N, C-alpha and C. Protein backbone atom coordinates (compact mmCIF):
# COMPACT_ATOMS: atom_id res chain seq x y z
N UNK A 1 14.05 -7.26 -19.80
CA UNK A 1 13.83 -5.88 -19.42
C UNK A 1 15.19 -5.22 -19.20
N UNK A 2 15.38 -4.05 -19.73
CA UNK A 2 16.63 -3.32 -19.54
C UNK A 2 16.79 -2.95 -18.08
N UNK A 3 18.03 -2.83 -17.66
CA UNK A 3 18.31 -2.52 -16.27
C UNK A 3 17.64 -1.22 -15.83
N UNK A 4 17.65 -0.21 -16.69
CA UNK A 4 17.02 1.05 -16.31
C UNK A 4 15.52 0.89 -16.14
N UNK A 5 14.90 0.02 -16.93
CA UNK A 5 13.47 -0.21 -16.77
C UNK A 5 13.18 -0.93 -15.46
N UNK A 6 14.04 -1.85 -15.08
CA UNK A 6 13.83 -2.57 -13.82
C UNK A 6 13.93 -1.62 -12.64
N UNK A 7 14.82 -0.64 -12.71
CA UNK A 7 15.03 0.27 -11.59
C UNK A 7 14.06 1.43 -11.59
N UNK A 8 13.34 1.66 -12.69
CA UNK A 8 12.46 2.82 -12.78
C UNK A 8 11.41 2.86 -11.66
N UNK A 9 10.66 1.78 -11.38
CA UNK A 9 9.68 1.85 -10.29
C UNK A 9 10.33 2.10 -8.94
N UNK A 10 11.50 1.51 -8.71
CA UNK A 10 12.18 1.70 -7.44
C UNK A 10 12.60 3.16 -7.30
N UNK A 11 13.15 3.75 -8.37
CA UNK A 11 13.56 5.14 -8.34
C UNK A 11 12.35 6.06 -8.14
N UNK A 12 11.23 5.76 -8.81
CA UNK A 12 10.01 6.54 -8.68
C UNK A 12 9.50 6.46 -7.25
N UNK A 13 9.45 5.25 -6.68
CA UNK A 13 9.04 5.09 -5.29
C UNK A 13 9.98 5.84 -4.37
N UNK A 14 11.29 5.77 -4.63
CA UNK A 14 12.29 6.45 -3.78
C UNK A 14 12.00 7.95 -3.76
N UNK A 15 11.66 8.53 -4.91
CA UNK A 15 11.36 9.97 -4.97
C UNK A 15 10.13 10.29 -4.11
N UNK A 16 9.10 9.47 -4.18
CA UNK A 16 7.89 9.69 -3.38
C UNK A 16 8.20 9.53 -1.89
N UNK A 17 8.94 8.49 -1.55
CA UNK A 17 9.31 8.24 -0.15
C UNK A 17 10.10 9.43 0.40
N UNK A 18 11.09 9.90 -0.36
CA UNK A 18 11.91 11.04 0.09
C UNK A 18 11.05 12.29 0.28
N UNK A 19 10.15 12.57 -0.67
CA UNK A 19 9.28 13.74 -0.57
C UNK A 19 8.35 13.60 0.64
N UNK A 20 7.79 12.42 0.84
CA UNK A 20 6.91 12.13 1.97
C UNK A 20 7.63 12.46 3.28
N UNK A 21 8.84 11.96 3.43
CA UNK A 21 9.58 12.15 4.68
C UNK A 21 10.06 13.59 4.86
N UNK A 22 10.36 14.27 3.78
CA UNK A 22 10.78 15.68 3.87
C UNK A 22 9.63 16.60 4.25
N UNK A 23 8.40 16.22 3.89
CA UNK A 23 7.25 17.11 4.02
C UNK A 23 6.17 16.58 4.96
N UNK A 24 6.56 15.89 6.00
CA UNK A 24 5.63 15.42 7.04
C UNK A 24 4.45 14.63 6.45
N UNK A 25 4.74 13.78 5.46
CA UNK A 25 3.71 12.91 4.90
C UNK A 25 2.95 13.50 3.73
N UNK A 26 3.32 14.66 3.27
CA UNK A 26 2.65 15.30 2.13
C UNK A 26 3.50 15.12 0.88
N UNK A 27 2.83 14.86 -0.23
CA UNK A 27 3.51 14.78 -1.53
C UNK A 27 2.69 15.57 -2.55
N UNK A 28 3.34 15.96 -3.61
CA UNK A 28 2.67 16.72 -4.66
C UNK A 28 2.43 15.85 -5.88
N UNK A 29 2.32 16.51 -7.01
CA UNK A 29 2.12 15.80 -8.27
C UNK A 29 0.81 15.06 -8.29
N UNK A 30 0.80 13.90 -8.92
CA UNK A 30 -0.44 13.15 -9.07
C UNK A 30 -1.00 12.65 -7.75
N UNK A 31 -0.20 12.65 -6.68
CA UNK A 31 -0.67 12.16 -5.38
C UNK A 31 -1.00 13.29 -4.41
N UNK A 32 -0.97 14.53 -4.89
CA UNK A 32 -1.28 15.65 -4.01
C UNK A 32 -2.68 15.49 -3.43
N UNK A 33 -2.79 15.60 -2.12
CA UNK A 33 -4.06 15.48 -1.44
C UNK A 33 -4.48 14.05 -1.14
N UNK A 34 -3.75 13.06 -1.67
CA UNK A 34 -4.10 11.65 -1.41
C UNK A 34 -3.66 11.25 -0.01
N UNK A 35 -4.33 10.27 0.54
CA UNK A 35 -3.93 9.72 1.84
C UNK A 35 -2.88 8.65 1.57
N UNK A 36 -1.63 9.03 1.70
CA UNK A 36 -0.53 8.09 1.47
C UNK A 36 0.13 7.73 2.78
N UNK A 37 0.53 6.48 2.86
CA UNK A 37 1.33 5.98 3.97
C UNK A 37 2.56 5.32 3.37
N UNK A 38 3.58 5.16 4.19
CA UNK A 38 4.72 4.35 3.78
C UNK A 38 4.62 3.04 4.53
N UNK A 39 4.75 1.96 3.79
CA UNK A 39 4.66 0.62 4.35
C UNK A 39 6.03 -0.03 4.24
N UNK A 40 6.60 -0.38 5.38
CA UNK A 40 7.90 -1.06 5.40
C UNK A 40 7.66 -2.50 5.81
N UNK A 41 8.22 -3.41 5.02
CA UNK A 41 7.97 -4.84 5.19
C UNK A 41 9.25 -5.60 4.90
N UNK A 42 9.21 -6.91 5.15
CA UNK A 42 10.35 -7.78 4.91
C UNK A 42 10.13 -8.56 3.62
N UNK A 43 11.13 -8.55 2.75
CA UNK A 43 11.05 -9.31 1.50
C UNK A 43 10.95 -10.80 1.79
N UNK A 44 10.04 -11.46 1.12
CA UNK A 44 9.80 -12.89 1.40
C UNK A 44 10.95 -13.76 0.94
N UNK A 45 11.67 -13.37 -0.09
CA UNK A 45 12.81 -14.16 -0.56
C UNK A 45 14.14 -13.60 -0.05
N UNK A 46 14.28 -12.30 -0.09
CA UNK A 46 15.56 -11.67 0.28
C UNK A 46 15.73 -11.52 1.78
N UNK A 47 14.62 -11.39 2.50
CA UNK A 47 14.70 -11.11 3.93
C UNK A 47 15.09 -9.68 4.22
N UNK A 48 15.21 -8.85 3.18
CA UNK A 48 15.61 -7.45 3.34
C UNK A 48 14.39 -6.57 3.57
N UNK A 49 14.62 -5.51 4.32
CA UNK A 49 13.56 -4.54 4.58
C UNK A 49 13.35 -3.68 3.34
N UNK A 50 12.08 -3.45 3.00
CA UNK A 50 11.73 -2.63 1.84
C UNK A 50 10.59 -1.69 2.25
N UNK A 51 10.52 -0.56 1.57
CA UNK A 51 9.47 0.42 1.85
C UNK A 51 8.79 0.81 0.54
N UNK A 52 7.48 0.94 0.59
CA UNK A 52 6.72 1.38 -0.58
C UNK A 52 5.62 2.34 -0.14
N UNK A 53 5.32 3.34 -0.97
CA UNK A 53 4.16 4.19 -0.67
C UNK A 53 2.87 3.46 -1.05
N UNK A 54 1.84 3.63 -0.22
CA UNK A 54 0.54 3.01 -0.47
C UNK A 54 -0.57 4.00 -0.13
N UNK A 55 -1.65 3.94 -0.92
CA UNK A 55 -2.84 4.73 -0.60
C UNK A 55 -3.55 3.99 0.52
N UNK A 56 -4.11 4.74 1.46
CA UNK A 56 -4.83 4.08 2.56
C UNK A 56 -6.11 4.83 2.87
N UNK A 57 -6.97 4.12 3.59
CA UNK A 57 -8.16 4.74 4.19
C UNK A 57 -8.24 4.28 5.63
N UNK A 58 -8.86 5.10 6.44
CA UNK A 58 -9.04 4.76 7.85
C UNK A 58 -10.32 3.98 8.01
N UNK A 59 -10.28 2.94 8.85
CA UNK A 59 -11.45 2.12 9.12
C UNK A 59 -11.42 1.74 10.59
N UNK A 60 -12.25 2.41 11.38
CA UNK A 60 -12.31 2.19 12.83
C UNK A 60 -10.94 2.48 13.45
N UNK A 61 -10.32 1.46 14.05
CA UNK A 61 -9.06 1.68 14.77
C UNK A 61 -7.83 1.25 13.96
N UNK A 62 -7.96 1.10 12.66
CA UNK A 62 -6.83 0.69 11.83
C UNK A 62 -6.95 1.36 10.46
N UNK A 63 -5.92 1.15 9.64
CA UNK A 63 -6.00 1.63 8.27
C UNK A 63 -6.04 0.42 7.35
N UNK A 64 -6.54 0.66 6.14
CA UNK A 64 -6.65 -0.41 5.14
C UNK A 64 -5.91 0.06 3.88
N UNK A 65 -5.10 -0.83 3.33
CA UNK A 65 -4.40 -0.57 2.08
C UNK A 65 -4.85 -1.60 1.05
N UNK A 66 -4.64 -1.30 -0.21
CA UNK A 66 -5.18 -2.13 -1.29
C UNK A 66 -4.08 -2.46 -2.29
N UNK A 67 -4.06 -3.71 -2.71
CA UNK A 67 -3.06 -4.18 -3.68
C UNK A 67 -3.51 -3.97 -5.11
N UNK A 68 -3.70 -2.70 -5.51
CA UNK A 68 -4.19 -2.42 -6.85
C UNK A 68 -3.14 -2.70 -7.92
N UNK A 69 -1.88 -2.43 -7.59
CA UNK A 69 -0.79 -2.53 -8.58
C UNK A 69 -1.16 -1.75 -9.84
N UNK A 70 -1.83 -0.60 -9.63
CA UNK A 70 -2.26 0.30 -10.72
C UNK A 70 -3.06 -0.44 -11.79
N UNK A 71 -3.80 -1.46 -11.37
CA UNK A 71 -4.64 -2.19 -12.31
C UNK A 71 -3.93 -3.26 -13.10
N UNK A 72 -2.74 -3.65 -12.68
CA UNK A 72 -2.01 -4.73 -13.36
C UNK A 72 -2.62 -6.08 -12.95
N UNK A 73 -2.43 -7.07 -13.79
CA UNK A 73 -3.01 -8.38 -13.53
C UNK A 73 -2.33 -9.12 -12.38
N UNK A 74 -1.12 -8.74 -12.03
CA UNK A 74 -0.40 -9.39 -10.93
C UNK A 74 -0.55 -8.61 -9.63
N UNK A 75 -0.57 -9.33 -8.53
CA UNK A 75 -0.55 -8.66 -7.23
C UNK A 75 0.76 -7.91 -7.08
N UNK A 76 0.75 -6.78 -6.36
CA UNK A 76 2.01 -6.07 -6.13
C UNK A 76 2.91 -6.89 -5.21
N UNK A 77 4.20 -6.69 -5.37
CA UNK A 77 5.17 -7.43 -4.56
C UNK A 77 4.98 -7.19 -3.07
N UNK A 78 4.65 -5.95 -2.68
CA UNK A 78 4.50 -5.68 -1.25
C UNK A 78 3.43 -6.59 -0.65
N UNK A 79 2.35 -6.84 -1.39
CA UNK A 79 1.27 -7.68 -0.89
C UNK A 79 1.75 -9.11 -0.65
N UNK A 80 2.46 -9.66 -1.62
CA UNK A 80 2.99 -11.02 -1.47
C UNK A 80 3.96 -11.10 -0.30
N UNK A 81 4.71 -10.04 -0.09
CA UNK A 81 5.66 -10.01 1.02
C UNK A 81 4.96 -9.94 2.37
N UNK A 82 3.89 -9.14 2.49
CA UNK A 82 3.22 -9.06 3.80
C UNK A 82 2.42 -10.32 4.10
N UNK A 83 2.04 -11.08 3.08
CA UNK A 83 1.43 -12.38 3.35
C UNK A 83 2.44 -13.30 4.03
N UNK A 84 3.69 -13.22 3.59
CA UNK A 84 4.74 -14.06 4.16
C UNK A 84 5.25 -13.53 5.50
N UNK A 85 5.28 -12.21 5.64
CA UNK A 85 5.81 -11.56 6.85
C UNK A 85 4.86 -10.44 7.25
N UNK A 86 3.83 -10.73 8.03
CA UNK A 86 2.80 -9.72 8.33
C UNK A 86 3.22 -8.63 9.32
N UNK A 87 4.38 -8.75 9.94
CA UNK A 87 4.83 -7.68 10.83
C UNK A 87 5.44 -6.58 9.97
N UNK A 88 4.84 -5.39 10.03
CA UNK A 88 5.24 -4.28 9.18
C UNK A 88 5.42 -3.02 10.02
N UNK A 89 5.94 -1.98 9.37
CA UNK A 89 6.00 -0.65 9.98
C UNK A 89 5.23 0.29 9.07
N UNK A 90 4.44 1.17 9.69
CA UNK A 90 3.61 2.11 8.96
C UNK A 90 4.05 3.53 9.31
N UNK A 91 4.16 4.38 8.29
CA UNK A 91 4.40 5.80 8.49
C UNK A 91 3.21 6.55 7.91
N UNK A 92 2.57 7.36 8.76
CA UNK A 92 1.47 8.22 8.34
C UNK A 92 1.80 9.61 8.86
N UNK A 93 1.92 10.56 7.96
CA UNK A 93 2.34 11.90 8.39
C UNK A 93 3.71 11.82 9.03
N UNK A 94 3.80 12.27 10.27
CA UNK A 94 5.09 12.21 10.99
C UNK A 94 5.12 11.05 11.99
N UNK A 95 4.07 10.25 12.03
CA UNK A 95 3.99 9.15 12.98
C UNK A 95 4.46 7.84 12.33
N UNK A 96 5.24 7.07 13.09
CA UNK A 96 5.71 5.76 12.66
C UNK A 96 5.34 4.76 13.75
N UNK A 97 4.77 3.62 13.33
CA UNK A 97 4.38 2.62 14.33
C UNK A 97 4.42 1.21 13.74
N UNK A 98 4.63 0.21 14.61
CA UNK A 98 4.58 -1.18 14.15
C UNK A 98 3.12 -1.61 13.96
N UNK A 99 2.91 -2.49 13.00
CA UNK A 99 1.55 -2.98 12.73
C UNK A 99 1.61 -4.43 12.27
N UNK A 100 0.46 -5.05 12.30
CA UNK A 100 0.31 -6.41 11.78
C UNK A 100 -0.65 -6.34 10.59
N UNK A 101 -0.21 -6.88 9.46
CA UNK A 101 -1.00 -6.88 8.23
C UNK A 101 -1.92 -8.09 8.22
N UNK A 102 -3.23 -7.82 8.07
CA UNK A 102 -4.22 -8.89 8.06
C UNK A 102 -5.08 -8.73 6.80
N UNK A 103 -4.96 -9.67 5.85
CA UNK A 103 -5.79 -9.58 4.65
C UNK A 103 -7.28 -9.67 5.01
N UNK A 104 -8.07 -8.83 4.37
CA UNK A 104 -9.52 -8.87 4.57
C UNK A 104 -10.12 -9.83 3.55
N UNK A 105 -11.14 -10.55 3.97
CA UNK A 105 -11.76 -11.53 3.08
C UNK A 105 -13.27 -11.37 3.09
N UNK A 106 -13.91 -11.90 2.07
CA UNK A 106 -15.37 -11.95 1.99
C UNK A 106 -16.02 -10.60 2.12
N UNK A 107 -17.05 -10.54 2.96
CA UNK A 107 -17.83 -9.31 3.13
C UNK A 107 -16.98 -8.16 3.67
N UNK A 108 -16.00 -8.46 4.53
CA UNK A 108 -15.13 -7.40 5.06
C UNK A 108 -14.32 -6.76 3.94
N UNK A 109 -13.77 -7.58 3.06
CA UNK A 109 -13.01 -7.06 1.92
C UNK A 109 -13.92 -6.27 1.00
N UNK A 110 -15.11 -6.81 0.70
CA UNK A 110 -16.03 -6.15 -0.22
C UNK A 110 -16.49 -4.79 0.32
N UNK A 111 -16.76 -4.72 1.60
CA UNK A 111 -17.18 -3.46 2.22
C UNK A 111 -16.05 -2.44 2.15
N UNK A 112 -14.84 -2.85 2.47
CA UNK A 112 -13.69 -1.94 2.42
C UNK A 112 -13.44 -1.48 1.00
N UNK A 113 -13.52 -2.40 0.04
CA UNK A 113 -13.26 -2.03 -1.34
C UNK A 113 -14.32 -1.07 -1.87
N UNK A 114 -15.58 -1.27 -1.50
CA UNK A 114 -16.65 -0.36 -1.92
C UNK A 114 -16.39 1.05 -1.39
N UNK A 115 -15.92 1.14 -0.17
CA UNK A 115 -15.59 2.45 0.40
C UNK A 115 -14.39 3.07 -0.33
N UNK A 116 -13.40 2.25 -0.65
CA UNK A 116 -12.24 2.74 -1.41
C UNK A 116 -12.68 3.27 -2.77
N UNK A 117 -13.58 2.57 -3.42
CA UNK A 117 -14.10 3.02 -4.72
C UNK A 117 -14.82 4.37 -4.59
N UNK A 118 -15.54 4.54 -3.49
CA UNK A 118 -16.24 5.80 -3.26
C UNK A 118 -15.23 6.94 -3.07
N UNK A 119 -14.17 6.67 -2.32
CA UNK A 119 -13.16 7.68 -2.04
C UNK A 119 -12.22 7.93 -3.21
N UNK A 120 -11.93 6.89 -3.96
CA UNK A 120 -10.97 6.97 -5.08
C UNK A 120 -11.56 6.18 -6.26
N UNK A 121 -12.39 6.81 -7.08
CA UNK A 121 -13.08 6.10 -8.16
C UNK A 121 -12.17 5.34 -9.13
N UNK A 122 -10.88 5.67 -9.18
CA UNK A 122 -9.97 4.92 -10.06
C UNK A 122 -9.91 3.45 -9.66
N UNK A 123 -10.25 3.12 -8.41
CA UNK A 123 -10.26 1.72 -7.99
C UNK A 123 -11.25 0.90 -8.81
N UNK A 124 -12.37 1.49 -9.16
CA UNK A 124 -13.36 0.80 -10.00
C UNK A 124 -12.75 0.47 -11.35
N UNK A 125 -12.05 1.44 -11.93
CA UNK A 125 -11.38 1.22 -13.22
C UNK A 125 -10.35 0.10 -13.11
N UNK A 126 -9.56 0.14 -12.06
CA UNK A 126 -8.55 -0.92 -11.87
C UNK A 126 -9.21 -2.29 -11.82
N UNK A 127 -10.25 -2.43 -11.00
CA UNK A 127 -10.87 -3.75 -10.80
C UNK A 127 -11.56 -4.26 -12.05
N UNK A 128 -12.18 -3.37 -12.83
CA UNK A 128 -12.92 -3.83 -14.00
C UNK A 128 -12.01 -4.26 -15.14
N UNK A 129 -10.75 -3.83 -15.15
CA UNK A 129 -9.88 -4.20 -16.26
C UNK A 129 -9.03 -5.45 -15.99
N UNK A 130 -9.19 -6.04 -14.81
CA UNK A 130 -8.38 -7.22 -14.47
C UNK A 130 -9.27 -8.37 -14.00
N UNK A 131 -8.70 -9.57 -14.03
CA UNK A 131 -9.43 -10.77 -13.59
C UNK A 131 -9.27 -11.03 -12.09
N UNK A 132 -8.12 -10.68 -11.53
CA UNK A 132 -7.87 -10.97 -10.11
C UNK A 132 -8.70 -10.03 -9.24
N UNK A 133 -8.97 -10.43 -8.04
CA UNK A 133 -9.63 -9.57 -7.07
C UNK A 133 -8.56 -8.76 -6.36
N UNK A 134 -8.72 -7.45 -6.36
CA UNK A 134 -7.76 -6.59 -5.68
C UNK A 134 -7.86 -6.83 -4.17
N UNK A 135 -6.76 -7.19 -3.55
CA UNK A 135 -6.81 -7.48 -2.12
C UNK A 135 -6.85 -6.21 -1.26
N UNK A 136 -7.47 -6.34 -0.12
CA UNK A 136 -7.51 -5.30 0.90
C UNK A 136 -6.79 -5.86 2.13
N UNK A 137 -5.96 -5.04 2.75
CA UNK A 137 -5.18 -5.48 3.91
C UNK A 137 -5.35 -4.47 5.04
N UNK A 138 -5.83 -4.94 6.17
CA UNK A 138 -5.93 -4.10 7.36
C UNK A 138 -4.58 -4.07 8.04
N UNK A 139 -4.16 -2.87 8.45
CA UNK A 139 -2.91 -2.71 9.18
C UNK A 139 -3.25 -2.32 10.62
N UNK A 140 -3.14 -3.28 11.51
CA UNK A 140 -3.50 -3.10 12.90
C UNK A 140 -2.29 -2.69 13.70
N UNK A 141 -2.39 -1.56 14.36
CA UNK A 141 -1.30 -1.06 15.20
C UNK A 141 -0.96 -2.07 16.30
N UNK A 142 0.31 -2.32 16.48
CA UNK A 142 0.77 -3.19 17.55
C UNK A 142 1.15 -2.31 18.73
N UNK A 143 0.55 -2.57 19.88
CA UNK A 143 0.84 -1.79 21.07
C UNK A 143 1.47 -2.67 22.13
N UNK A 144 2.15 -2.01 23.04
CA UNK A 144 2.69 -2.76 24.16
C UNK A 144 4.09 -2.96 24.01
């Protein structure tokens, strides 16, 4: 892969992150009106802090994010990283808080994913074109 191709997703994410932070959590373009959060996590190999934009939905007292990777057959890197280091930071709008990432399994995952499909029908398209199960991760606010 050419160096510019490797950096393209990072640059694209950087533009979304910058717009999100400049506009109190609002972004335009294809994500206008979407519920986006910024998820900051620790790289499992590098140990470096990284941030990525993620679509989320609210579920009771926490939010849930999904490792769609835009329908790619591989899990997104952020998901693999939060499995290794579940202590994360979440930015929603102008609020920033520490959270613990907990993968949802079984009926809990299926219920959350069904709701995500209802809210964002593209999730159905993503899941039907791949073999892996798209993971759902609850982000529980850490207090105290």
